[in-house]
Amino acid sequence: MLYRYKKSLEKIAMGLMSFMPKERDLKKLQQTMHKYEENPDWQLFLWKEDDDYVGLVGVELEERGFVIHHVSVNPSHRGEGIGHEMIAKLQEIMRDKEMHATEETEAFIRKCPIKKGGL
């Protein structure tokens, strides 16, 4: 299930975000987390399976769509379809908005079924 990020989940979110290649540096990671906490157009969601948060997806809202900046799944849960489930759920939440990807997330997003809109 996809949950909206809360400050109380900061350490978990930072741990999941650190699996992204460009977020391994602590200073960069802290800047990214600050952006999600301070800018209402940047929204972070965590995926909870059983009692553990195992995935994360971060988006930037735009006028007509949204851009997926971050997609991360705990390595011990990869290959289970969690990333695809997160993107599908996000598309449900963002119903009428067109989905876009960054250079970093595009390869993964292209593997996901697109419900509405495109890349």
PDB file of N, CA and C in Angstrom:
ATOM      1  N   MET A   1       0.843  -1.173   0.000  1.00  0.00           N
ATOM      2  CA  MET A   1       0.000   0.000   0.000  1.00  0.00           C
ATOM      3  C   MET A   1       0.888   1.234   0.000  1.00  0.00           C
ATOM      4  N   LEU A   2       0.473   2.251  -0.736  1.00  0.00           N
ATOM      5  CA  LEU A   2       1.220   3.499  -0.880  1.00  0.00           C
ATOM      6  C   LEU A   2       0.767   4.512   0.168  1.00  0.00           C
ATOM      7  N   TYR A   3       1.738   5.070   0.916  1.00  0.00           N
ATOM      8  CA  TYR A   3       1.457   6.055   1.958  1.00  0.00           C
ATOM      9  C   TYR A   3       2.219   7.343   1.665  1.00  0.00           C
ATOM     10  N   ARG A   4       1.587   8.459   1.954  1.00  0.00           N
ATOM     11  CA  ARG A   4       2.242   9.759   1.794  1.00  0.00           C
ATOM     12  C   ARG A   4       3.314   9.905   2.866  1.00  0.00           C
ATOM     13  N   TYR A   5       4.451  10.449   2.484  1.00  0.00           N
ATOM     14  CA  TYR A   5       5.579  10.666   3.387  1.00  0.00           C
ATOM     15  C   TYR A   5       5.205  11.593   4.536  1.00  0.00           C
ATOM     16  N   LYS A   6       5.678  11.228   5.725  1.00  0.00           N
ATOM     17  CA  LYS A   6       5.573  12.070   6.916  1.00  0.00           C
ATOM     18  C   LYS A   6       6.969  12.193   7.511  1.00  0.00           C
ATOM     19  N   LYS A   7       7.231  13.288   8.191  1.00  0.00           N
ATOM     20  CA  LYS A   7       8.544  13.543   8.792  1.00  0.00           C
ATOM     21  C   LYS A   7       8.976  12.399   9.708  1.00  0.00           C
ATOM     22  N   SER A   8       8.039  11.739  10.353  1.00  0.00           N
ATOM     23  CA  SER A   8       8.373  10.629  11.255  1.00  0.00           C
ATOM     24  C   SER A   8       8.981   9.439  10.501  1.00  0.00           C
ATOM     25  N   LEU A   9       8.829   9.425   9.187  1.00  0.00           N
ATOM     26  CA  LEU A   9       9.379   8.340   8.362  1.00  0.00           C
ATOM     27  C   LEU A   9      10.674   8.751   7.662  1.00  0.00           C
ATOM     28  N   GLU A  10      11.265   9.853   8.107  1.00  0.00           N
ATOM     29  CA  GLU A  10      12.432  10.406   7.418  1.00  0.00           C
ATOM     30  C   GLU A  10      13.586   9.410   7.287  1.00  0.00           C
ATOM     31  N   LYS A  11      13.950   8.722   8.358  1.00  0.00           N
ATOM     32  CA  LYS A  11      15.089   7.795   8.286  1.00  0.00           C
ATOM     33  C   LYS A  11      14.814   6.642   7.324  1.00  0.00           C
ATOM     34  N   ILE A  12      13.604   6.130   7.342  1.00  0.00           N
ATOM     35  CA  ILE A  12      13.227   5.045   6.432  1.00  0.00           C
ATOM     36  C   ILE A  12      13.287   5.555   4.990  1.00  0.00           C
ATOM     37  N   ALA A  13      12.721   6.740   4.762  1.00  0.00           N
ATOM     38  CA  ALA A  13      12.720   7.314   3.410  1.00  0.00           C
ATOM     39  C   ALA A  13      14.145   7.568   2.922  1.00  0.00           C
ATOM     40  N   MET A  14      14.987   8.093   3.784  1.00  0.00           N
ATOM     41  CA  MET A  14      16.377   8.349   3.393  1.00  0.00           C
ATOM     42  C   MET A  14      17.104   7.044   3.071  1.00  0.00           C
ATOM     43  N   GLY A  15      16.828   6.006   3.832  1.00  0.00           N
ATOM     44  CA  GLY A  15      17.443   4.713   3.562  1.00  0.00           C
ATOM     45  C   GLY A  15      17.037   4.172   2.195  1.00  0.00           C
ATOM     46  N   LEU A  16      15.747   4.249   1.896  1.00  0.00           N
ATOM     47  CA  LEU A  16      15.262   3.781   0.600  1.00  0.00           C
ATOM     48  C   LEU A  16      15.770   4.671  -0.534  1.00  0.00           C
ATOM     49  N   MET A  17      15.772   5.975  -0.326  1.00  0.00           N
ATOM     50  CA  MET A  17      16.233   6.911  -1.345  1.00  0.00           C
ATOM     51  C   MET A  17      17.717   6.709  -1.648  1.00  0.00           C
ATOM     52  N   SER A  18      18.490   6.298  -0.647  1.00  0.00           N
ATOM     53  CA  SER A  18      19.937   6.143  -0.836  1.00  0.00           C
ATOM     54  C   SER A  18      20.284   5.016  -1.813  1.00  0.00           C
ATOM     55  N   PHE A  19      19.311   4.173  -2.178  1.00  0.00           N
ATOM     56  CA  PHE A  19      19.558   3.136  -3.185  1.00  0.00           C
ATOM     57  C   PHE A  19      19.585   3.723  -4.597  1.00  0.00           C
ATOM     58  N   MET A  20      19.120   4.970  -4.758  1.00  0.00           N
ATOM     59  CA  MET A  20      19.183   5.648  -6.060  1.00  0.00           C
ATOM     60  C   MET A  20      20.625   6.108  -6.280  1.00  0.00           C
ATOM     61  N   PRO A  21      21.202   5.837  -7.446  1.00  0.00           N
ATOM     62  CA  PRO A  21      22.616   6.171  -7.685  1.00  0.00           C
ATOM     63  C   PRO A  21      22.994   7.623  -7.396  1.00  0.00           C
ATOM     64  N   LYS A  22      22.151   8.579  -7.755  1.00  0.00           N
ATOM     65  CA  LYS A  22      22.495   9.989  -7.550  1.00  0.00           C
ATOM     66  C   LYS A  22      22.220  10.479  -6.136  1.00  0.00           C
ATOM     67  N   GLU A  23      21.704   9.621  -5.285  1.00  0.00           N
ATOM     68  CA  GLU A  23      21.353  10.023  -3.916  1.00  0.00           C
ATOM     69  C   GLU A  23      22.236   9.359  -2.868  1.00  0.00           C
ATOM     70  N   ARG A  24      23.354   8.809  -3.275  1.00  0.00           N
ATOM     71  CA  ARG A  24      24.214   8.096  -2.320  1.00  0.00           C
ATOM     72  C   ARG A  24      25.005   9.042  -1.412  1.00  0.00           C
ATOM     73  N   ASP A  25      25.302  10.233  -1.917  1.00  0.00           N
ATOM     74  CA  ASP A  25      26.021  11.219  -1.132  1.00  0.00           C
ATOM     75  C   ASP A  25      25.085  11.813  -0.081  1.00  0.00           C
ATOM     76  N   LEU A  26      25.495  11.808   1.174  1.00  0.00           N
ATOM     77  CA  LEU A  26      24.627  12.242   2.277  1.00  0.00           C
ATOM     78  C   LEU A  26      24.139  13.681   2.101  1.00  0.00           C
ATOM     79  N   LYS A  27      25.021  14.578   1.693  1.00  0.00           N
ATOM     80  CA  LYS A  27      24.626  15.979   1.527  1.00  0.00           C
ATOM     81  C   LYS A  27      23.560  16.111   0.435  1.00  0.00           C
ATOM     82  N   LYS A  28      23.725  15.429  -0.694  1.00  0.00           N
ATOM     83  CA  LYS A  28      22.754  15.447  -1.790  1.00  0.00           C
ATOM     84  C   LYS A  28      21.434  14.843  -1.316  1.00  0.00           C
ATOM     85  N   LEU A  29      21.505  13.736  -0.587  1.00  0.00           N
ATOM     86  CA  LEU A  29      20.325  13.065  -0.060  1.00  0.00           C
ATOM     87  C   LEU A  29      19.538  13.995   0.875  1.00  0.00           C
ATOM     88  N   GLN A  30      20.231  14.701   1.748  1.00  0.00           N
ATOM     89  CA  GLN A  30      19.578  15.629   2.659  1.00  0.00           C
ATOM     90  C   GLN A  30      18.906  16.778   1.902  1.00  0.00           C
ATOM     91  N   GLN A  31      19.557  17.271   0.847  1.00  0.00           N
ATOM     92  CA  GLN A  31      18.966  18.332   0.029  1.00  0.00           C
ATOM     93  C   GLN A  31      17.689  17.843  -0.649  1.00  0.00           C
ATOM     94  N   THR A  32      17.726  16.625  -1.155  1.00  0.00           N
ATOM     95  CA  THR A  32      16.553  16.047  -1.818  1.00  0.00           C
ATOM     96  C   THR A  32      15.405  15.885  -0.829  1.00  0.00           C
ATOM     97  N   MET A  33      15.692  15.366   0.341  1.00  0.00           N
ATOM     98  CA  MET A  33      14.656  15.187   1.363  1.00  0.00           C
ATOM     99  C   MET A  33      14.068  16.545   1.760  1.00  0.00           C
ATOM    100  N   HIS A  34      14.904  17.543   1.876  1.00  0.00           N
ATOM    101  CA  HIS A  34      14.441  18.892   2.220  1.00  0.00           C
ATOM    102  C   HIS A  34      13.463  19.401   1.158  1.00  0.00           C
ATOM    103  N   LYS A  35      13.769  19.131  -0.105  1.00  0.00           N
ATOM    104  CA  LYS A  35      12.897  19.560  -1.205  1.00  0.00           C
ATOM    105  C   LYS A  35      11.515  18.922  -1.058  1.00  0.00           C
ATOM    106  N   TYR A  36      11.470  17.617  -0.744  1.00  0.00           N
ATOM    107  CA  TYR A  36      10.186  16.927  -0.575  1.00  0.00           C
ATOM    108  C   TYR A  36       9.426  17.436   0.651  1.00  0.00           C
ATOM    109  N   GLU A  37      10.143  17.847   1.678  1.00  0.00           N
ATOM    110  CA  GLU A  37       9.491  18.324   2.901  1.00  0.00           C
ATOM    111  C   GLU A  37       8.988  19.762   2.775  1.00  0.00           C
ATOM    112  N   GLU A  38       9.682  20.597   2.012  1.00  0.00           N
ATOM    113  CA  GLU A  38       9.376  22.020   1.971  1.00  0.00           C
ATOM    114  C   GLU A  38       8.544  22.466   0.776  1.00  0.00           C
ATOM    115  N   ASN A  39       8.635  21.771  -0.348  1.00  0.00           N
ATOM    116  CA  ASN A  39       7.951  22.196  -1.558  1.00  0.00           C
ATOM    117  C   ASN A  39       6.687  21.363  -1.766  1.00  0.00           C
ATOM    118  N   PRO A  40       5.514  21.976  -1.730  1.00  0.00           N
ATOM    119  CA  PRO A  40       4.268  21.201  -1.872  1.00  0.00           C
ATOM    120  C   PRO A  40       4.105  20.529  -3.248  1.00  0.00           C
ATOM    121  N   ASP A  41       4.852  20.994  -4.253  1.00  0.00           N
ATOM    122  CA  ASP A  41       4.779  20.367  -5.576  1.00  0.00           C
ATOM    123  C   ASP A  41       5.636  19.103  -5.674  1.00  0.00           C
ATOM    124  N   TRP A  42       6.449  18.870  -4.673  1.00  0.00           N
ATOM    125  CA  TRP A  42       7.272  17.658  -4.626  1.00  0.00           C
ATOM    126  C   TRP A  42       6.657  16.738  -3.575  1.00  0.00           C
ATOM    127  N   GLN A  43       6.206  15.567  -4.009  1.00  0.00           N
ATOM    128  CA  GLN A  43       5.522  14.643  -3.098  1.00  0.00           C
ATOM    129  C   GLN A  43       6.226  13.294  -3.086  1.00  0.00           C
ATOM    130  N   LEU A  44       6.369  12.774  -1.894  1.00  0.00           N
ATOM    131  CA  LEU A  44       7.059  11.509  -1.681  1.00  0.00           C
ATOM    132  C   LEU A  44       6.075  10.501  -1.098  1.00  0.00           C
ATOM    133  N   PHE A  45       6.119   9.273  -1.618  1.00  0.00           N
ATOM    134  CA  PHE A  45       5.241   8.203  -1.158  1.00  0.00           C
ATOM    135  C   PHE A  45       6.086   6.988  -0.811  1.00  0.00           C
ATOM    136  N   LEU A  46       5.685   6.265   0.224  1.00  0.00           N
ATOM    137  CA  LEU A  46       6.376   5.051   0.625  1.00  0.00           C
ATOM    138  C   LEU A  46       5.434   3.865   0.469  1.00  0.00           C
ATOM    139  N   TRP A  47       5.994   2.731   0.086  1.00  0.00           N
ATOM    140  CA  TRP A  47       5.222   1.504  -0.112  1.00  0.00           C
ATOM    141  C   TRP A  47       5.443   0.599   1.093  1.00  0.00           C
ATOM    142  N   LYS A  48       4.339   0.212   1.717  1.00  0.00           N
ATOM    143  CA  LYS A  48       4.411  -0.649   2.896  1.00  0.00           C
ATOM    144  C   LYS A  48       3.866  -2.020   2.546  1.00  0.00           C
ATOM    145  N   GLU A  49       4.644  -3.023   2.873  1.00  0.00           N
ATOM    146  CA  GLU A  49       4.248  -4.401   2.636  1.00  0.00           C
ATOM    147  C   GLU A  49       4.364  -5.133   3.971  1.00  0.00           C
ATOM    148  N   ASP A  50       3.287  -5.742   4.397  1.00  0.00           N
ATOM    149  CA  ASP A  50       3.211  -6.328   5.742  1.00  0.00           C
ATOM    150  C   ASP A  50       3.486  -5.208   6.751  1.00  0.00           C
ATOM    151  N   ASP A  51       4.561  -5.293   7.516  1.00  0.00           N
ATOM    152  CA  ASP A  51       4.857  -4.255   8.501  1.00  0.00           C
ATOM    153  C   ASP A  51       6.079  -3.423   8.138  1.00  0.00           C
ATOM    154  N   ASP A  52       6.601  -3.584   6.924  1.00  0.00           N
ATOM    155  CA  ASP A  52       7.827  -2.891   6.523  1.00  0.00           C
ATOM    156  C   ASP A  52       7.601  -1.958   5.343  1.00  0.00           C
ATOM    157  N   TYR A  53       8.284  -0.830   5.393  1.00  0.00           N
ATOM    158  CA  TYR A  53       8.325   0.051   4.232  1.00  0.00           C
ATOM    159  C   TYR A  53       9.441  -0.458   3.336  1.00  0.00           C
ATOM    160  N   VAL A  54       9.101  -0.828   2.110  1.00  0.00           N
ATOM    161  CA  VAL A  54      10.080  -1.473   1.228  1.00  0.00           C
ATOM    162  C   VAL A  54      10.309  -0.723  -0.080  1.00  0.00           C
ATOM    163  N   GLY A  55       9.540   0.333  -0.333  1.00  0.00           N
ATOM    164  CA  GLY A  55       9.697   1.070  -1.579  1.00  0.00           C
ATOM    165  C   GLY A  55       9.365   2.532  -1.402  1.00  0.00           C
ATOM    166  N   LEU A  56       9.776   3.310  -2.399  1.00  0.00           N
ATOM    167  CA  LEU A  56       9.582   4.750  -2.352  1.00  0.00           C
ATOM    168  C   LEU A  56       9.438   5.271  -3.779  1.00  0.00           C
ATOM    169  N   VAL A  57       8.569   6.238  -3.960  1.00  0.00           N
ATOM    170  CA  VAL A  57       8.426   6.919  -5.250  1.00  0.00           C
ATOM    171  C   VAL A  57       8.217   8.400  -4.962  1.00  0.00           C
ATOM    172  N   GLY A  58       8.977   9.230  -5.688  1.00  0.00           N
ATOM    173  CA  GLY A  58       8.892  10.673  -5.498  1.00  0.00           C
ATOM    174  C   GLY A  58       8.535  11.369  -6.797  1.00  0.00           C
ATOM    175  N   VAL A  59       7.598  12.304  -6.715  1.00  0.00           N
ATOM    176  CA  VAL A  59       7.111  12.996  -7.908  1.00  0.00           C
ATOM    177  C   VAL A  59       7.130  14.509  -7.718  1.00  0.00           C
ATOM    178  N   GLU A  60       7.186  15.189  -8.848  1.00  0.00           N
ATOM    179  CA  GLU A  60       7.033  16.633  -8.878  1.00  0.00           C
ATOM    180  C   GLU A  60       5.762  16.920  -9.666  1.00  0.00           C
ATOM    181  N   LEU A  61       4.840  17.633  -9.048  1.00  0.00           N
ATOM    182  CA  LEU A  61       3.590  17.977  -9.716  1.00  0.00           C
ATOM    183  C   LEU A  61       3.800  19.144 -10.660  1.00  0.00           C
ATOM    184  N   GLU A  62       3.203  19.042 -11.835  1.00  0.00           N
ATOM    185  CA  GLU A  62       3.239  20.114 -12.821  1.00  0.00           C
ATOM    186  C   GLU A  62       1.804  20.490 -13.159  1.00  0.00           C
ATOM    187  N   GLU A  63       1.622  21.499 -13.978  1.00  0.00           N
ATOM    188  CA  GLU A  63       0.280  21.971 -14.298  1.00  0.00           C
ATOM    189  C   GLU A  63      -0.605  20.860 -14.864  1.00  0.00           C
ATOM    190  N   ARG A  64      -0.097  20.125 -15.817  1.00  0.00           N
ATOM    191  CA  ARG A  64      -0.910  19.089 -16.465  1.00  0.00           C
ATOM    192  C   ARG A  64      -0.454  17.666 -16.186  1.00  0.00           C
ATOM    193  N   GLY A  65       0.586  17.533 -15.436  1.00  0.00           N
ATOM    194  CA  GLY A  65       1.091  16.185 -15.215  1.00  0.00           C
ATOM    195  C   GLY A  65       1.963  16.096 -13.983  1.00  0.00           C
ATOM    196  N   PHE A  66       2.751  15.041 -13.963  1.00  0.00           N
ATOM    197  CA  PHE A  66       3.691  14.849 -12.864  1.00  0.00           C
ATOM    198  C   PHE A  66       4.933  14.142 -13.401  1.00  0.00           C
ATOM    199  N   VAL A  67       6.060  14.424 -12.777  1.00  0.00           N
ATOM    200  CA  VAL A  67       7.337  13.854 -13.170  1.00  0.00           C
ATOM    201  C   VAL A  67       7.812  12.929 -12.059  1.00  0.00           C
ATOM    202  N   ILE A  68       8.142  11.709 -12.419  1.00  0.00           N
ATOM    203  CA  ILE A  68       8.672  10.759 -11.438  1.00  0.00           C
ATOM    204  C   ILE A  68      10.182  10.963 -11.354  1.00  0.00           C
ATOM    205  N   HIS A  69      10.632  11.458 -10.199  1.00  0.00           N
ATOM    206  CA  HIS A  69      12.054  11.725  -9.982  1.00  0.00           C
ATOM    207  C   HIS A  69      12.764  10.562  -9.298  1.00  0.00           C
ATOM    208  N   HIS A  70      12.055   9.857  -8.453  1.00  0.00           N
ATOM    209  CA  HIS A  70      12.679   8.789  -7.673  1.00  0.00           C
ATOM    210  C   HIS A  70      11.783   7.551  -7.625  1.00  0.00           C
ATOM    211  N   VAL A  71      12.384   6.397  -7.852  1.00  0.00           N
ATOM    212  CA  VAL A  71      11.722   5.108  -7.665  1.00  0.00           C
ATOM    213  C   VAL A  71      12.777   4.206  -7.044  1.00  0.00           C
ATOM    214  N   SER A  72      12.479   3.668  -5.888  1.00  0.00           N
ATOM    215  CA  SER A  72      13.455   2.836  -5.198  1.00  0.00           C
ATOM    216  C   SER A  72      12.743   1.720  -4.443  1.00  0.00           C
ATOM    217  N   VAL A  73      13.326   0.536  -4.519  1.00  0.00           N
ATOM    218  CA  VAL A  73      12.812  -0.616  -3.784  1.00  0.00           C
ATOM    219  C   VAL A  73      13.988  -1.240  -3.035  1.00  0.00           C
ATOM    220  N   ASN A  74      13.753  -1.611  -1.798  1.00  0.00           N
ATOM    221  CA  ASN A  74      14.767  -2.285  -1.003  1.00  0.00           C
ATOM    222  C   ASN A  74      15.295  -3.481  -1.802  1.00  0.00           C
ATOM    223  N   PRO A  75      16.623  -3.620  -1.924  1.00  0.00           N
ATOM    224  CA  PRO A  75      17.185  -4.712  -2.738  1.00  0.00           C
ATOM    225  C   PRO A  75      16.673  -6.105  -2.369  1.00  0.00           C
ATOM    226  N   SER A  76      16.347  -6.342  -1.115  1.00  0.00           N
ATOM    227  CA  SER A  76      15.865  -7.671  -0.720  1.00  0.00           C
ATOM    228  C   SER A  76      14.429  -7.935  -1.191  1.00  0.00           C
ATOM    229  N   HIS A  77      13.768  -6.904  -1.740  1.00  0.00           N
ATOM    230  CA  HIS A  77      12.395  -7.058  -2.238  1.00  0.00           C
ATOM    231  C   HIS A  77      12.284  -6.813  -3.741  1.00  0.00           C
ATOM    232  N   ARG A  78      13.412  -6.650  -4.396  1.00  0.00           N
ATOM    233  CA  ARG A  78      13.381  -6.395  -5.841  1.00  0.00           C
ATOM    234  C   ARG A  78      12.974  -7.650  -6.589  1.00  0.00           C
ATOM    235  N   GLY A  79      12.370  -7.457  -7.743  1.00  0.00           N
ATOM    236  CA  GLY A  79      11.925  -8.589  -8.553  1.00  0.00           C
ATOM    237  C   GLY A  79      10.557  -9.114  -8.150  1.00  0.00           C
ATOM    238  N   GLU A  80       9.910  -8.451  -7.184  1.00  0.00           N
ATOM    239  CA  GLU A  80       8.592  -8.877  -6.719  1.00  0.00           C
ATOM    240  C   GLU A  80       7.468  -8.052  -7.333  1.00  0.00           C
ATOM    241  N   GLY A  81       7.806  -7.097  -8.193  1.00  0.00           N
ATOM    242  CA  GLY A  81       6.790  -6.264  -8.837  1.00  0.00           C
ATOM    243  C   GLY A  81       6.365  -5.053  -8.024  1.00  0.00           C
ATOM    244  N   ILE A  82       7.071  -4.758  -6.945  1.00  0.00           N
ATOM    245  CA  ILE A  82       6.702  -3.639  -6.076  1.00  0.00           C
ATOM    246  C   ILE A  82       6.825  -2.313  -6.810  1.00  0.00           C
ATOM    247  N   GLY A  83       7.877  -2.136  -7.576  1.00  0.00           N
ATOM    248  CA  GLY A  83       8.055  -0.896  -8.335  1.00  0.00           C
ATOM    249  C   GLY A  83       6.902  -0.663  -9.293  1.00  0.00           C
ATOM    250  N   HIS A  84       6.481  -1.714  -9.991  1.00  0.00           N
ATOM    251  CA  HIS A  84       5.357  -1.600 -10.927  1.00  0.00           C
ATOM    252  C   HIS A  84       4.060  -1.301 -10.180  1.00  0.00           C
ATOM    253  N   GLU A  85       3.876  -1.926  -9.017  1.00  0.00           N
ATOM    254  CA  GLU A  85       2.681  -1.667  -8.213  1.00  0.00           C
ATOM    255  C   GLU A  85       2.642  -0.215  -7.744  1.00  0.00           C
ATOM    256  N   MET A  86       3.803   0.314  -7.337  1.00  0.00           N
ATOM    257  CA  MET A  86       3.855   1.705  -6.877  1.00  0.00           C
ATOM    258  C   MET A  86       3.464   2.657  -8.011  1.00  0.00           C
ATOM    259  N   ILE A  87       3.977   2.404  -9.214  1.00  0.00           N
ATOM    260  CA  ILE A  87       3.668   3.268 -10.354  1.00  0.00           C
ATOM    261  C   ILE A  87       2.187   3.163 -10.718  1.00  0.00           C
ATOM    262  N   ALA A  88       1.633   1.951 -10.680  1.00  0.00           N
ATOM    263  CA  ALA A  88       0.203   1.760 -10.987  1.00  0.00           C
ATOM    264  C   ALA A  88      -0.662   2.511  -9.972  1.00  0.00           C
ATOM    265  N   LYS A  89      -0.331   2.405  -8.708  1.00  0.00           N
ATOM    266  CA  LYS A  89      -1.098   3.088  -7.659  1.00  0.00           C
ATOM    267  C   LYS A  89      -0.972   4.608  -7.805  1.00  0.00           C
ATOM    268  N   LEU A  90       0.221   5.065  -8.136  1.00  0.00           N
ATOM    269  CA  LEU A  90       0.450   6.489  -8.340  1.00  0.00           C
ATOM    270  C   LEU A  90      -0.399   7.010  -9.500  1.00  0.00           C
ATOM    271  N   GLN A  91      -0.510   6.220 -10.566  1.00  0.00           N
ATOM    272  CA  GLN A  91      -1.346   6.608 -11.703  1.00  0.00           C
ATOM    273  C   GLN A  91      -2.817   6.709 -11.289  1.00  0.00           C
ATOM    274  N   GLU A  92      -3.251   5.841 -10.383  1.00  0.00           N
ATOM    275  CA  GLU A  92      -4.626   5.933  -9.866  1.00  0.00           C
ATOM    276  C   GLU A  92      -4.814   7.228  -9.086  1.00  0.00           C
ATOM    277  N   ILE A  93      -3.844   7.556  -8.231  1.00  0.00           N
ATOM    278  CA  ILE A  93      -3.922   8.755  -7.405  1.00  0.00           C
ATOM    279  C   ILE A  93      -3.920  10.014  -8.271  1.00  0.00           C
ATOM    280  N   MET A  94      -3.102  10.024  -9.295  1.00  0.00           N
ATOM    281  CA  MET A  94      -2.935  11.203 -10.156  1.00  0.00           C
ATOM    282  C   MET A  94      -3.858  11.164 -11.376  1.00  0.00           C
ATOM    283  N   ARG A  95      -4.898  10.395 -11.317  1.00  0.00           N
ATOM    284  CA  ARG A  95      -5.876  10.128 -12.384  1.00  0.00           C
ATOM    285  C   ARG A  95      -5.726  10.870 -13.703  1.00  0.00           C
ATOM    286  N   ASP A  96      -6.023  12.146 -13.714  1.00  0.00           N
ATOM    287  CA  ASP A  96      -6.108  12.891 -14.967  1.00  0.00           C
ATOM    288  C   ASP A  96      -4.798  13.558 -15.382  1.00  0.00           C
ATOM    289  N   LYS A  97      -3.737  13.259 -14.697  1.00  0.00           N
ATOM    290  CA  LYS A  97      -2.461  13.896 -15.005  1.00  0.00           C
ATOM    291  C   LYS A  97      -1.590  12.975 -15.857  1.00  0.00           C
ATOM    292  N   GLU A  98      -0.818  13.591 -16.719  1.00  0.00           N
ATOM    293  CA  GLU A  98       0.079  12.846 -17.596  1.00  0.00           C
ATOM    294  C   GLU A  98       1.380  12.552 -16.853  1.00  0.00           C
ATOM    295  N   MET A  99       1.846  11.317 -16.971  1.00  0.00           N
ATOM    296  CA  MET A  99       3.049  10.888 -16.270  1.00  0.00           C
ATOM    297  C   MET A  99       4.277  11.100 -17.143  1.00  0.00           C
ATOM    298  N   HIS A 100       5.332  11.631 -16.526  1.00  0.00           N
ATOM    299  CA  HIS A 100       6.618  11.830 -17.200  1.00  0.00           C
ATOM    300  C   HIS A 100       7.713  11.248 -16.323  1.00  0.00           C
ATOM    301  N   ALA A 101       8.852  11.011 -16.932  1.00  0.00           N
ATOM    302  CA  ALA A 101       9.990  10.473 -16.192  1.00  0.00           C
ATOM    303  C   ALA A 101      11.202  11.370 -16.392  1.00  0.00           C
ATOM    304  N   THR A 102      12.167  11.239 -15.503  1.00  0.00           N
ATOM    305  CA  THR A 102      13.440  11.923 -15.677  1.00  0.00           C
ATOM    306  C   THR A 102      14.361  10.967 -16.426  1.00  0.00           C
ATOM    307  N   GLU A 103      15.506  11.454 -16.792  1.00  0.00           N
ATOM    308  CA  GLU A 103      16.496  10.599 -17.463  1.00  0.00           C
ATOM    309  C   GLU A 103      16.829   9.397 -16.577  1.00  0.00           C
ATOM    310  N   GLU A 104      16.888   9.629 -15.291  1.00  0.00           N
ATOM    311  CA  GLU A 104      17.251   8.577 -14.340  1.00  0.00           C
ATOM    312  C   GLU A 104      16.141   7.530 -14.161  1.00  0.00           C
ATOM    313  N   THR A 105      14.878   7.940 -14.251  1.00  0.00           N
ATOM    314  CA  THR A 105      13.772   6.997 -14.006  1.00  0.00           C
ATOM    315  C   THR A 105      13.123   6.463 -15.279  1.00  0.00           C
ATOM    316  N   GLU A 106      13.472   7.031 -16.422  1.00  0.00           N
ATOM    317  CA  GLU A 106      12.793   6.682 -17.672  1.00  0.00           C
ATOM    318  C   GLU A 106      12.876   5.197 -18.036  1.00  0.00           C
ATOM    319  N   ALA A 107      14.037   4.591 -17.909  1.00  0.00           N
ATOM    320  CA  ALA A 107      14.184   3.183 -18.298  1.00  0.00           C
ATOM    321  C   ALA A 107      13.225   2.295 -17.504  1.00  0.00           C
ATOM    322  N   PHE A 108      13.105   2.553 -16.207  1.00  0.00           N
ATOM    323  CA  PHE A 108      12.188   1.744 -15.397  1.00  0.00           C
ATOM    324  C   PHE A 108      10.734   2.034 -15.752  1.00  0.00           C
ATOM    325  N   ILE A 109      10.389   3.305 -15.878  1.00  0.00           N
ATOM    326  CA  ILE A 109       9.003   3.699 -16.147  1.00  0.00           C
ATOM    327  C   ILE A 109       8.524   3.114 -17.475  1.00  0.00           C
ATOM    328  N   ARG A 110       9.394   3.033 -18.453  1.00  0.00           N
ATOM    329  CA  ARG A 110       9.014   2.464 -19.761  1.00  0.00           C
ATOM    330  C   ARG A 110       8.619   0.987 -19.660  1.00  0.00           C
ATOM    331  N   LYS A 111       9.077   0.312 -18.620  1.00  0.00           N
ATOM    332  CA  LYS A 111       8.731  -1.101 -18.417  1.00  0.00           C
ATOM    333  C   LYS A 111       7.379  -1.272 -17.725  1.00  0.00           C
ATOM    334  N   CYS A 112       6.847  -0.184 -17.176  1.00  0.00           N
ATOM    335  CA  CYS A 112       5.584  -0.236 -16.444  1.00  0.00           C
ATOM    336  C   CYS A 112       4.405  -0.034 -17.398  1.00  0.00           C
ATOM    337  N   PRO A 113       3.291  -0.715 -17.135  1.00  0.00           N
ATOM    338  CA  PRO A 113       2.096  -0.459 -17.932  1.00  0.00           C
ATOM    339  C   PRO A 113       1.610   0.975 -17.690  1.00  0.00           C
ATOM    340  N   ILE A 114       1.363   1.696 -18.760  1.00  0.00           N
ATOM    341  CA  ILE A 114       0.894   3.082 -18.651  1.00  0.00           C
ATOM    342  C   ILE A 114      -0.626   3.088 -18.779  1.00  0.00           C
ATOM    343  N   LYS A 115      -1.300   3.609 -17.762  1.00  0.00           N
ATOM    344  CA  LYS A 115      -2.767   3.613 -17.764  1.00  0.00           C
ATOM    345  C   LYS A 115      -3.341   4.798 -18.525  1.00  0.00           C
ATOM    346  N   LYS A 116      -2.744   5.972 -18.349  1.00  0.00           N
ATOM    347  CA  LYS A 116      -3.246   7.165 -19.023  1.00  0.00           C
ATOM    348  C   LYS A 116      -2.072   8.123 -19.177  1.00  0.00           C
ATOM    349  N   GLY A 117      -2.069   8.870 -20.251  1.00  0.00           N
ATOM    350  CA  GLY A 117      -0.960   9.798 -20.452  1.00  0.00           C
ATOM    351  C   GLY A 117       0.234   9.044 -20.998  1.00  0.00           C
ATOM    352  N   GLY A 118       1.364   9.651 -20.959  1.00  0.00           N
ATOM    353  CA  GLY A 118       2.516   8.982 -21.516  1.00  0.00           C
ATOM    354  C   GLY A 118       3.802   9.574 -20.994  1.00  0.00           C
ATOM    355  N   LEU A 119       4.854   9.195 -21.647  1.00  0.00           N
ATOM    356  CA  LEU A 119       6.163   9.702 -21.262  1.00  0.00           C
ATOM    357  C   LEU A 119       6.537  10.717 -22.285  1.00  0.00           C
TER     358      LEU A 119
END
